[in-house]
Amino acid sequence: MSKNLSPKSLVVPPARAWEMIDCGNDFGYKLIARGELESFLQGRLRKITVASINKYIERRIAASAGKAGRCPQPLRKPDGPRTFASRYKAARRQHRKVRPEITPTP
């Protein structure tokens, strides 16, 4: 049996399917468990239909079509310095002294 699968293959093994949708083993089998990919056993070998892979890709494209024009929100900076080092640097920029915060230990 040839290792090179023709593009007209109706079914592919899981490793080839994961390459086609660019995912790992865990996520690929989760897709099968959720019913997003159709598969069956041929003896002891699992086979995944190429049609279900194409449908999955089409669903993903349709789901992200509305989000195409949006830019992700930039990460917000914290409201103020959190560590002593960052508080110290901020204070030096403002030319004032900073005392370290002492928190009581329980």
PDB file of N, CA and C in Angstrom:
ATOM      1  N   MET A   1       0.843  -1.181   0.000  1.00  0.00           N
ATOM      2  CA  MET A   1       0.000   0.000   0.000  1.00  0.00           C
ATOM      3  C   MET A   1       0.884   1.239   0.000  1.00  0.00           C
ATOM      4  N   SER A   2       0.533   2.209  -0.780  1.00  0.00           N
ATOM      5  CA  SER A   2       1.338   3.408  -0.936  1.00  0.00           C
ATOM      6  C   SER A   2       1.115   4.358   0.244  1.00  0.00           C
ATOM      7  N   LYS A   3       2.194   4.999   0.683  1.00  0.00           N
ATOM      8  CA  LYS A   3       2.088   5.978   1.762  1.00  0.00           C
ATOM      9  C   LYS A   3       1.566   7.310   1.236  1.00  0.00           C
ATOM     10  N   ASN A   4       1.751   7.572  -0.058  1.00  0.00           N
ATOM     11  CA  ASN A   4       1.259   8.818  -0.641  1.00  0.00           C
ATOM     12  C   ASN A   4      -0.223   8.672  -0.944  1.00  0.00           C
ATOM     13  N   LEU A   5      -1.029   9.466  -0.257  1.00  0.00           N
ATOM     14  CA  LEU A   5      -2.471   9.400  -0.462  1.00  0.00           C
ATOM     15  C   LEU A   5      -2.852  10.387  -1.553  1.00  0.00           C
ATOM     16  N   SER A   6      -3.689   9.949  -2.450  1.00  0.00           N
ATOM     17  CA  SER A   6      -4.128  10.847  -3.512  1.00  0.00           C
ATOM     18  C   SER A   6      -5.077  11.881  -2.923  1.00  0.00           C
ATOM     19  N   PRO A   7      -5.154  13.059  -3.520  1.00  0.00           N
ATOM     20  CA  PRO A   7      -6.066  14.078  -2.987  1.00  0.00           C
ATOM     21  C   PRO A   7      -7.530  13.681  -3.110  1.00  0.00           C
ATOM     22  N   LYS A   8      -7.815  12.627  -3.885  1.00  0.00           N
ATOM     23  CA  LYS A   8      -9.192  12.181  -4.052  1.00  0.00           C
ATOM     24  C   LYS A   8      -9.556  11.059  -3.085  1.00  0.00           C
ATOM     25  N   SER A   9      -8.721  10.792  -2.096  1.00  0.00           N
ATOM     26  CA  SER A   9      -9.033   9.766  -1.105  1.00  0.00           C
ATOM     27  C   SER A   9     -10.294  10.163  -0.350  1.00  0.00           C
ATOM     28  N   LEU A  10     -11.120   9.200  -0.069  1.00  0.00           N
ATOM     29  CA  LEU A  10     -12.349   9.470   0.674  1.00  0.00           C
ATOM     30  C   LEU A  10     -12.127   9.424   2.179  1.00  0.00           C
ATOM     31  N   VAL A  11     -11.160   8.609   2.602  1.00  0.00           N
ATOM     32  CA  VAL A  11     -10.856   8.500   4.022  1.00  0.00           C
ATOM     33  C   VAL A  11      -9.344   8.590   4.217  1.00  0.00           C
ATOM     34  N   VAL A  12      -8.956   9.061   5.409  1.00  0.00           N
ATOM     35  CA  VAL A  12      -7.534   9.176   5.739  1.00  0.00           C
ATOM     36  C   VAL A  12      -7.329   8.673   7.165  1.00  0.00           C
ATOM     37  N   PRO A  13      -6.114   8.233   7.483  1.00  0.00           N
ATOM     38  CA  PRO A  13      -5.829   7.853   8.864  1.00  0.00           C
ATOM     39  C   PRO A  13      -5.735   9.103   9.749  1.00  0.00           C
ATOM     40  N   PRO A  14      -5.852   8.932  11.050  1.00  0.00           N
ATOM     41  CA  PRO A  14      -5.826  10.091  11.947  1.00  0.00           C
ATOM     42  C   PRO A  14      -4.589  10.982  11.779  1.00  0.00           C
ATOM     43  N   ALA A  15      -3.418  10.397  11.633  1.00  0.00           N
ATOM     44  CA  ALA A  15      -2.210  11.220  11.520  1.00  0.00           C
ATOM     45  C   ALA A  15      -2.300  12.167  10.325  1.00  0.00           C
ATOM     46  N   ARG A  16      -2.816  11.684   9.216  1.00  0.00           N
ATOM     47  CA  ARG A  16      -2.966  12.530   8.026  1.00  0.00           C
ATOM     48  C   ARG A  16      -4.058  13.568   8.249  1.00  0.00           C
ATOM     49  N   ALA A  17      -5.127  13.192   8.925  1.00  0.00           N
ATOM     50  CA  ALA A  17      -6.206  14.137   9.215  1.00  0.00           C
ATOM     51  C   ALA A  17      -5.702  15.273  10.106  1.00  0.00           C
ATOM     52  N   TRP A  18      -4.863  14.930  11.090  1.00  0.00           N
ATOM     53  CA  TRP A  18      -4.336  15.969  11.990  1.00  0.00           C
ATOM     54  C   TRP A  18      -3.440  16.921  11.206  1.00  0.00           C
ATOM     55  N   GLU A  19      -2.712  16.404  10.235  1.00  0.00           N
ATOM     56  CA  GLU A  19      -1.899  17.277   9.379  1.00  0.00           C
ATOM     57  C   GLU A  19      -2.789  18.208   8.559  1.00  0.00           C
ATOM     58  N   MET A  20      -3.896  17.667   8.062  1.00  0.00           N
ATOM     59  CA  MET A  20      -4.782  18.463   7.214  1.00  0.00           C
ATOM     60  C   MET A  20      -5.417  19.618   7.977  1.00  0.00           C
ATOM     61  N   ILE A  21      -5.744  19.408   9.250  1.00  0.00           N
ATOM     62  CA  ILE A  21      -6.361  20.490  10.030  1.00  0.00           C
ATOM     63  C   ILE A  21      -5.378  21.124  11.012  1.00  0.00           C
ATOM     64  N   ASP A  22      -4.119  20.710  10.932  1.00  0.00           N
ATOM     65  CA  ASP A  22      -3.050  21.303  11.739  1.00  0.00           C
ATOM     66  C   ASP A  22      -3.382  21.278  13.230  1.00  0.00           C
ATOM     67  N   CYS A  23      -3.565  20.078  13.756  1.00  0.00           N
ATOM     68  CA  CYS A  23      -3.825  19.935  15.186  1.00  0.00           C
ATOM     69  C   CYS A  23      -3.074  18.720  15.710  1.00  0.00           C
ATOM     70  N   GLY A  24      -3.087  18.570  16.993  1.00  0.00           N
ATOM     71  CA  GLY A  24      -2.399  17.451  17.627  1.00  0.00           C
ATOM     72  C   GLY A  24      -3.330  16.275  17.868  1.00  0.00           C
ATOM     73  N   ASN A  25      -2.752  15.215  18.399  1.00  0.00           N
ATOM     74  CA  ASN A  25      -3.481  13.984  18.663  1.00  0.00           C
ATOM     75  C   ASN A  25      -4.656  14.211  19.616  1.00  0.00           C
ATOM     76  N   ASP A  26      -4.396  14.862  20.745  1.00  0.00           N
ATOM     77  CA  ASP A  26      -5.444  15.068  21.754  1.00  0.00           C
ATOM     78  C   ASP A  26      -6.633  15.827  21.180  1.00  0.00           C
ATOM     79  N   PHE A  27      -6.353  16.950  20.523  1.00  0.00           N
ATOM     80  CA  PHE A  27      -7.433  17.771  19.990  1.00  0.00           C
ATOM     81  C   PHE A  27      -8.164  17.035  18.872  1.00  0.00           C
ATOM     82  N   GLY A  28      -7.441  16.302  18.044  1.00  0.00           N
ATOM     83  CA  GLY A  28      -8.074  15.548  16.966  1.00  0.00           C
ATOM     84  C   GLY A  28      -9.064  14.526  17.489  1.00  0.00           C
ATOM     85  N   TYR A  29      -8.663  13.781  18.505  1.00  0.00           N
ATOM     86  CA  TYR A  29      -9.582  12.787  19.064  1.00  0.00           C
ATOM     87  C   TYR A  29     -10.736  13.450  19.818  1.00  0.00           C
ATOM     88  N   LYS A  30     -10.528  14.653  20.347  1.00  0.00           N
ATOM     89  CA  LYS A  30     -11.640  15.391  20.958  1.00  0.00           C
ATOM     90  C   LYS A  30     -12.661  15.785  19.897  1.00  0.00           C
ATOM     91  N   LEU A  31     -12.164  16.159  18.705  1.00  0.00           N
ATOM     92  CA  LEU A  31     -13.084  16.491  17.615  1.00  0.00           C
ATOM     93  C   LEU A  31     -13.938  15.280  17.239  1.00  0.00           C
ATOM     94  N   ILE A  32     -13.318  14.106  17.228  1.00  0.00           N
ATOM     95  CA  ILE A  32     -14.067  12.886  16.929  1.00  0.00           C
ATOM     96  C   ILE A  32     -15.095  12.618  18.035  1.00  0.00           C
ATOM     97  N   ALA A  33     -14.686  12.761  19.286  1.00  0.00           N
ATOM     98  CA  ALA A  33     -15.586  12.498  20.417  1.00  0.00           C
ATOM     99  C   ALA A  33     -16.768  13.463  20.417  1.00  0.00           C
ATOM    100  N   ARG A  34     -16.535  14.715  20.013  1.00  0.00           N
ATOM    101  CA  ARG A  34     -17.607  15.704  19.966  1.00  0.00           C
ATOM    102  C   ARG A  34     -18.499  15.540  18.746  1.00  0.00           C
ATOM    103  N   GLY A  35     -18.083  14.685  17.816  1.00  0.00           N
ATOM    104  CA  GLY A  35     -18.882  14.452  16.622  1.00  0.00           C
ATOM    105  C   GLY A  35     -18.617  15.444  15.510  1.00  0.00           C
ATOM    106  N   GLU A  36     -17.561  16.230  15.627  1.00  0.00           N
ATOM    107  CA  GLU A  36     -17.248  17.203  14.585  1.00  0.00           C
ATOM    108  C   GLU A  36     -16.557  16.557  13.392  1.00  0.00           C
ATOM    109  N   LEU A  37     -15.935  15.408  13.594  1.00  0.00           N
ATOM    110  CA  LEU A  37     -15.332  14.647  12.511  1.00  0.00           C
ATOM    111  C   LEU A  37     -15.960  13.259  12.497  1.00  0.00           C
ATOM    112  N   GLU A  38     -16.272  12.776  11.300  1.00  0.00           N
ATOM    113  CA  GLU A  38     -16.844  11.436  11.158  1.00  0.00           C
ATOM    114  C   GLU A  38     -15.705  10.433  11.017  1.00  0.00           C
ATOM    115  N   SER A  39     -15.790   9.344  11.776  1.00  0.00           N
ATOM    116  CA  SER A  39     -14.751   8.326  11.691  1.00  0.00           C
ATOM    117  C   SER A  39     -15.381   6.949  11.873  1.00  0.00           C
ATOM    118  N   PHE A  40     -14.604   5.959  11.492  1.00  0.00           N
ATOM    119  CA  PHE A  40     -15.038   4.577  11.664  1.00  0.00           C
ATOM    120  C   PHE A  40     -13.796   3.710  11.783  1.00  0.00           C
ATOM    121  N   LEU A  41     -14.006   2.495  12.265  1.00  0.00           N
ATOM    122  CA  LEU A  41     -12.905   1.545  12.372  1.00  0.00           C
ATOM    123  C   LEU A  41     -12.936   0.601  11.183  1.00  0.00           C
ATOM    124  N   GLN A  42     -11.779   0.436  10.573  1.00  0.00           N
ATOM    125  CA  GLN A  42     -11.621  -0.537   9.502  1.00  0.00           C
ATOM    126  C   GLN A  42     -10.679  -1.594  10.061  1.00  0.00           C
ATOM    127  N   GLY A  43     -11.261  -2.625  10.624  1.00  0.00           N
ATOM    128  CA  GLY A  43     -10.463  -3.585  11.378  1.00  0.00           C
ATOM    129  C   GLY A  43     -10.035  -2.921  12.671  1.00  0.00           C
ATOM    130  N   ARG A  44      -8.724  -2.785  12.866  1.00  0.00           N
ATOM    131  CA  ARG A  44      -8.213  -2.084  14.047  1.00  0.00           C
ATOM    132  C   ARG A  44      -7.801  -0.655  13.737  1.00  0.00           C
ATOM    133  N   LEU A  45      -7.906  -0.253  12.475  1.00  0.00           N
ATOM    134  CA  LEU A  45      -7.454   1.078  12.053  1.00  0.00           C
ATOM    135  C   LEU A  45      -8.614   2.063  12.003  1.00  0.00           C
ATOM    136  N   ARG A  46      -8.403   3.224  12.594  1.00  0.00           N
ATOM    137  CA  ARG A  46      -9.418   4.276  12.535  1.00  0.00           C
ATOM    138  C   ARG A  46      -9.223   5.051  11.246  1.00  0.00           C
ATOM    139  N   LYS A  47     -10.328   5.368  10.593  1.00  0.00           N
ATOM    140  CA  LYS A  47     -10.321   6.160   9.363  1.00  0.00           C
ATOM    141  C   LYS A  47     -11.247   7.355   9.558  1.00  0.00           C
ATOM    142  N   ILE A  48     -10.867   8.490   9.009  1.00  0.00           N
ATOM    143  CA  ILE A  48     -11.644   9.720   9.113  1.00  0.00           C
ATOM    144  C   ILE A  48     -12.009  10.162   7.707  1.00  0.00           C
ATOM    145  N   THR A  49     -13.259  10.539   7.507  1.00  0.00           N
ATOM    146  CA  THR A  49     -13.688  10.926   6.167  1.00  0.00           C
ATOM    147  C   THR A  49     -13.169  12.322   5.816  1.00  0.00           C
ATOM    148  N   VAL A  50     -12.694  12.455   4.592  1.00  0.00           N
ATOM    149  CA  VAL A  50     -12.189  13.747   4.116  1.00  0.00           C
ATOM    150  C   VAL A  50     -13.336  14.749   4.031  1.00  0.00           C
ATOM    151  N   ALA A  51     -14.533  14.273   3.698  1.00  0.00           N
ATOM    152  CA  ALA A  51     -15.692  15.170   3.639  1.00  0.00           C
ATOM    153  C   ALA A  51     -15.953  15.823   4.992  1.00  0.00           C
ATOM    154  N   SER A  52     -15.823  15.059   6.080  1.00  0.00           N
ATOM    155  CA  SER A  52     -16.055  15.648   7.407  1.00  0.00           C
ATOM    156  C   SER A  52     -14.957  16.651   7.764  1.00  0.00           C
ATOM    157  N   ILE A  53     -13.738  16.408   7.291  1.00  0.00           N
ATOM    158  CA  ILE A  53     -12.645  17.370   7.525  1.00  0.00           C
ATOM    159  C   ILE A  53     -12.948  18.665   6.788  1.00  0.00           C
ATOM    160  N   ASN A  54     -13.389  18.556   5.528  1.00  0.00           N
ATOM    161  CA  ASN A  54     -13.737  19.751   4.749  1.00  0.00           C
ATOM    162  C   ASN A  54     -14.893  20.511   5.384  1.00  0.00           C
ATOM    163  N   LYS A  55     -15.907  19.796   5.883  1.00  0.00           N
ATOM    164  CA  LYS A  55     -17.038  20.446   6.550  1.00  0.00           C
ATOM    165  C   LYS A  55     -16.580  21.158   7.820  1.00  0.00           C
ATOM    166  N   TYR A  56     -15.683  20.519   8.573  1.00  0.00           N
ATOM    167  CA  TYR A  56     -15.162  21.131   9.796  1.00  0.00           C
ATOM    168  C   TYR A  56     -14.445  22.435   9.463  1.00  0.00           C
ATOM    169  N   ILE A  57     -13.612  22.412   8.421  1.00  0.00           N
ATOM    170  CA  ILE A  57     -12.882  23.627   8.027  1.00  0.00           C
ATOM    171  C   ILE A  57     -13.861  24.716   7.579  1.00  0.00           C
ATOM    172  N   GLU A  58     -14.885  24.344   6.816  1.00  0.00           N
ATOM    173  CA  GLU A  58     -15.888  25.321   6.376  1.00  0.00           C
ATOM    174  C   GLU A  58     -16.621  25.932   7.567  1.00  0.00           C
ATOM    175  N   ARG A  59     -16.962  25.099   8.572  1.00  0.00           N
ATOM    176  CA  ARG A  59     -17.631  25.617   9.773  1.00  0.00           C
ATOM    177  C   ARG A  59     -16.725  26.589  10.516  1.00  0.00           C
ATOM    178  N   ARG A  60     -15.461  26.269  10.613  1.00  0.00           N
ATOM    179  CA  ARG A  60     -14.518  27.157  11.321  1.00  0.00           C
ATOM    180  C   ARG A  60     -14.355  28.484  10.583  1.00  0.00           C
ATOM    181  N   ILE A  61     -14.302  28.433   9.263  1.00  0.00           N
ATOM    182  CA  ILE A  61     -14.187  29.664   8.474  1.00  0.00           C
ATOM    183  C   ILE A  61     -15.445  30.506   8.637  1.00  0.00           C
ATOM    184  N   ALA A  62     -16.618  29.866   8.576  1.00  0.00           N
ATOM    185  CA  ALA A  62     -17.879  30.592   8.741  1.00  0.00           C
ATOM    186  C   ALA A  62     -17.978  31.213  10.134  1.00  0.00           C
ATOM    187  N   ALA A  63     -17.494  30.503  11.144  1.00  0.00           N
ATOM    188  CA  ALA A  63     -17.561  31.020  12.517  1.00  0.00           C
ATOM    189  C   ALA A  63     -16.650  32.219  12.709  1.00  0.00           C
ATOM    190  N   SER A  64     -15.535  32.237  12.007  1.00  0.00           N
ATOM    191  CA  SER A  64     -14.597  33.350  12.178  1.00  0.00           C
ATOM    192  C   SER A  64     -14.813  34.460  11.155  1.00  0.00           C
ATOM    193  N   ALA A  65     -15.764  34.301  10.229  1.00  0.00           N
ATOM    194  CA  ALA A  65     -15.990  35.311   9.190  1.00  0.00           C
ATOM    195  C   ALA A  65     -16.446  36.637   9.790  1.00  0.00           C
ATOM    196  N   GLY A  66     -17.268  36.592  10.818  1.00  0.00           N
ATOM    197  CA  GLY A  66     -17.740  37.826  11.439  1.00  0.00           C
ATOM    198  C   GLY A  66     -16.669  38.533  12.236  1.00  0.00           C
ATOM    199  N   LYS A  67     -15.620  37.819  12.610  1.00  0.00           N
ATOM    200  CA  LYS A  67     -14.568  38.392  13.436  1.00  0.00           C
ATOM    201  C   LYS A  67     -13.387  38.883  12.610  1.00  0.00           C
ATOM    202  N   ALA A  68     -13.463  38.757  11.289  1.00  0.00           N
ATOM    203  CA  ALA A  68     -12.310  39.049  10.442  1.00  0.00           C
ATOM    204  C   ALA A  68     -11.906  40.518  10.498  1.00  0.00           C
ATOM    205  N   GLY A  69     -12.868  41.439  10.577  1.00  0.00           N
ATOM    206  CA  GLY A  69     -12.532  42.857  10.547  1.00  0.00           C
ATOM    207  C   GLY A  69     -12.115  43.418  11.892  1.00  0.00           C
ATOM    208  N   ARG A  70     -12.294  42.663  12.943  1.00  0.00           N
ATOM    209  CA  ARG A  70     -12.000  43.159  14.288  1.00  0.00           C
ATOM    210  C   ARG A  70     -10.542  42.942  14.646  1.00  0.00           C
ATOM    211  N   CYS A  71     -10.024  43.868  15.412  1.00  0.00           N
ATOM    212  CA  CYS A  71      -8.686  43.711  15.971  1.00  0.00           C
ATOM    213  C   CYS A  71      -8.841  43.246  17.405  1.00  0.00           C
ATOM    214  N   PRO A  72      -7.969  42.387  17.861  1.00  0.00           N
ATOM    215  CA  PRO A  72      -8.071  41.970  19.257  1.00  0.00           C
ATOM    216  C   PRO A  72      -7.805  43.145  20.189  1.00  0.00           C
ATOM    217  N   GLN A  73      -8.429  43.113  21.337  1.00  0.00           N
ATOM    218  CA  GLN A  73      -8.224  44.172  22.317  1.00  0.00           C
ATOM    219  C   GLN A  73      -6.792  44.138  22.817  1.00  0.00           C
ATOM    220  N   PRO A  74      -6.147  45.300  22.928  1.00  0.00           N
ATOM    221  CA  PRO A  74      -4.795  45.294  23.470  1.00  0.00           C
ATOM    222  C   PRO A  74      -4.812  44.912  24.941  1.00  0.00           C
ATOM    223  N   LEU A  75      -3.738  44.323  25.397  1.00  0.00           N
ATOM    224  CA  LEU A  75      -3.650  43.962  26.804  1.00  0.00           C
ATOM    225  C   LEU A  75      -3.584  45.220  27.641  1.00  0.00           C
ATOM    226  N   ARG A  76      -4.385  45.244  28.714  1.00  0.00           N
ATOM    227  CA  ARG A  76      -4.377  46.398  29.598  1.00  0.00           C
ATOM    228  C   ARG A  76      -3.208  46.300  30.554  1.00  0.00           C
ATOM    229  N   LYS A  77      -2.595  47.426  30.792  1.00  0.00           N
ATOM    230  CA  LYS A  77      -1.540  47.466  31.786  1.00  0.00           C
ATOM    231  C   LYS A  77      -2.199  47.508  33.159  1.00  0.00           C
ATOM    232  N   PRO A  78      -1.529  47.011  34.170  1.00  0.00           N
ATOM    233  CA  PRO A  78      -2.106  47.101  35.506  1.00  0.00           C
ATOM    234  C   PRO A  78      -2.302  48.553  35.908  1.00  0.00           C
ATOM    235  N   ASP A  79      -3.219  48.775  36.850  1.00  0.00           N
ATOM    236  CA  ASP A  79      -3.533  50.142  37.273  1.00  0.00           C
ATOM    237  C   ASP A  79      -2.319  50.867  37.835  1.00  0.00           C
ATOM    238  N   GLY A  80      -1.468  50.168  38.496  1.00  0.00           N
ATOM    239  CA  GLY A  80      -0.291  50.802  39.069  1.00  0.00           C
ATOM    240  C   GLY A  80       0.799  49.774  39.270  1.00  0.00           C
ATOM    241  N   PRO A  81       1.971  50.246  39.698  1.00  0.00           N
ATOM    242  CA  PRO A  81       3.064  49.300  39.926  1.00  0.00           C
ATOM    243  C   PRO A  81       2.710  48.314  41.026  1.00  0.00           C
ATOM    244  N   ARG A  82       3.102  47.054  40.878  1.00  0.00           N
ATOM    245  CA  ARG A  82       2.745  46.015  41.830  1.00  0.00           C
ATOM    246  C   ARG A  82       3.923  45.582  42.691  1.00  0.00           C
ATOM    247  N   THR A  83       5.087  45.475  42.119  1.00  0.00           N
ATOM    248  CA  THR A  83       6.231  45.002  42.887  1.00  0.00           C
ATOM    249  C   THR A  83       7.000  46.182  43.463  1.00  0.00           C
ATOM    250  N   PHE A  84       7.833  45.900  44.448  1.00  0.00           N
ATOM    251  CA  PHE A  84       8.629  46.962  45.042  1.00  0.00           C
ATOM    252  C   PHE A  84       9.556  47.582  44.007  1.00  0.00           C
ATOM    253  N   ALA A  85      10.152  46.740  43.166  1.00  0.00           N
ATOM    254  CA  ALA A  85      11.084  47.257  42.156  1.00  0.00           C
ATOM    255  C   ALA A  85      10.368  48.206  41.198  1.00  0.00           C
ATOM    256  N   SER A  86       9.188  47.847  40.760  1.00  0.00           N
ATOM    257  CA  SER A  86       8.480  48.725  39.827  1.00  0.00           C
ATOM    258  C   SER A  86       7.979  49.982  40.538  1.00  0.00           C
ATOM    259  N   ARG A  87       7.583  49.855  41.824  1.00  0.00           N
ATOM    260  CA  ARG A  87       7.184  51.041  42.587  1.00  0.00           C
ATOM    261  C   ARG A  87       8.380  51.958  42.797  1.00  0.00           C
ATOM    262  N   TYR A  88       9.550  51.357  43.048  1.00  0.00           N
ATOM    263  CA  TYR A  88      10.768  52.130  43.258  1.00  0.00           C
ATOM    264  C   TYR A  88      11.136  52.897  41.999  1.00  0.00           C
ATOM    265  N   LYS A  89      11.069  52.231  40.861  1.00  0.00           N
ATOM    266  CA  LYS A  89      11.394  52.899  39.594  1.00  0.00           C
ATOM    267  C   LYS A  89      10.414  54.028  39.316  1.00  0.00           C
ATOM    268  N   ALA A  90       9.125  53.814  39.600  1.00  0.00           N
ATOM    269  CA  ALA A  90       8.128  54.856  39.382  1.00  0.00           C
ATOM    270  C   ALA A  90       8.383  56.039  40.306  1.00  0.00           C
ATOM    271  N   ALA A  91       8.758  55.747  41.537  1.00  0.00           N
ATOM    272  CA  ALA A  91       9.039  56.824  42.492  1.00  0.00           C
ATOM    273  C   ALA A  91      10.277  57.607  42.089  1.00  0.00           C
ATOM    274  N   ARG A  92      11.288  56.916  41.596  1.00  0.00           N
ATOM    275  CA  ARG A  92      12.503  57.620  41.149  1.00  0.00           C
ATOM    276  C   ARG A  92      12.189  58.554  39.997  1.00  0.00           C
ATOM    277  N   ARG A  93      11.274  58.119  39.125  1.00  0.00           N
ATOM    278  CA  ARG A  93      10.886  59.006  38.022  1.00  0.00           C
ATOM    279  C   ARG A  93      10.179  60.249  38.550  1.00  0.00           C
ATOM    280  N   GLN A  94       9.481  60.112  39.680  1.00  0.00           N
ATOM    281  CA  GLN A  94       8.752  61.238  40.254  1.00  0.00           C
ATOM    282  C   GLN A  94       9.548  61.919  41.364  1.00  0.00           C
ATOM    283  N   HIS A  95      10.786  61.499  41.590  1.00  0.00           N
ATOM    284  CA  HIS A  95      11.698  62.085  42.581  1.00  0.00           C
ATOM    285  C   HIS A  95      11.116  62.075  43.990  1.00  0.00           C
ATOM    286  N   ARG A  96      10.665  60.925  44.438  1.00  0.00           N
ATOM    287  CA  ARG A  96      10.202  60.797  45.814  1.00  0.00           C
ATOM    288  C   ARG A  96      10.690  59.469  46.380  1.00  0.00           C
ATOM    289  N   LYS A  97      10.678  59.374  47.725  1.00  0.00           N
ATOM    290  CA  LYS A  97      11.152  58.172  48.393  1.00  0.00           C
ATOM    291  C   LYS A  97      10.020  57.163  48.521  1.00  0.00           C
ATOM    292  N   VAL A  98      10.406  55.887  48.539  1.00  0.00           N
ATOM    293  CA  VAL A  98       9.419  54.824  48.654  1.00  0.00           C
ATOM    294  C   VAL A  98       9.840  53.901  49.792  1.00  0.00           C
ATOM    295  N   ARG A  99       8.878  53.547  50.637  1.00  0.00           N
ATOM    296  CA  ARG A  99       9.133  52.584  51.686  1.00  0.00           C
ATOM    297  C   ARG A  99       8.552  51.248  51.265  1.00  0.00           C
ATOM    298  N   PRO A 100       9.261  50.167  51.554  1.00  0.00           N
ATOM    299  CA  PRO A 100       8.691  48.879  51.195  1.00  0.00           C
ATOM    300  C   PRO A 100       7.459  48.584  52.049  1.00  0.00           C
ATOM    301  N   GLU A 101       6.465  47.982  51.432  1.00  0.00           N
ATOM    302  CA  GLU A 101       5.253  47.619  52.176  1.00  0.00           C
ATOM    303  C   GLU A 101       5.549  46.370  52.981  1.00  0.00           C
ATOM    304  N   ILE A 102       5.206  46.411  54.247  1.00  0.00           N
ATOM    305  CA  ILE A 102       5.386  45.268  55.120  1.00  0.00           C
ATOM    306  C   ILE A 102       4.028  44.673  55.372  1.00  0.00           C
ATOM    307  N   THR A 103       3.876  43.438  54.960  1.00  0.00           N
ATOM    308  CA  THR A 103       2.596  42.766  55.183  1.00  0.00           C
ATOM    309  C   THR A 103       2.720  41.843  56.371  1.00  0.00           C
ATOM    310  N   PRO A 104       1.739  41.854  57.256  1.00  0.00           N
ATOM    311  CA  PRO A 104       1.821  40.974  58.433  1.00  0.00           C
ATOM    312  C   PRO A 104       1.672  39.517  58.008  1.00  0.00           C
ATOM    313  N   THR A 105       2.470  38.675  58.626  1.00  0.00           N
ATOM    314  CA  THR A 105       2.379  37.248  58.337  1.00  0.00           C
ATOM    315  C   THR A 105       1.419  36.609  59.318  1.00  0.00           C
ATOM    316  N   PRO A 106       0.567  35.715  58.857  1.00  0.00           N
ATOM    317  CA  PRO A 106      -0.403  35.091  59.775  1.00  0.00           C
ATOM    318  C   PRO A 106       0.228  34.091  60.705  1.00  0.00           C
TER     319      PRO A 106
END
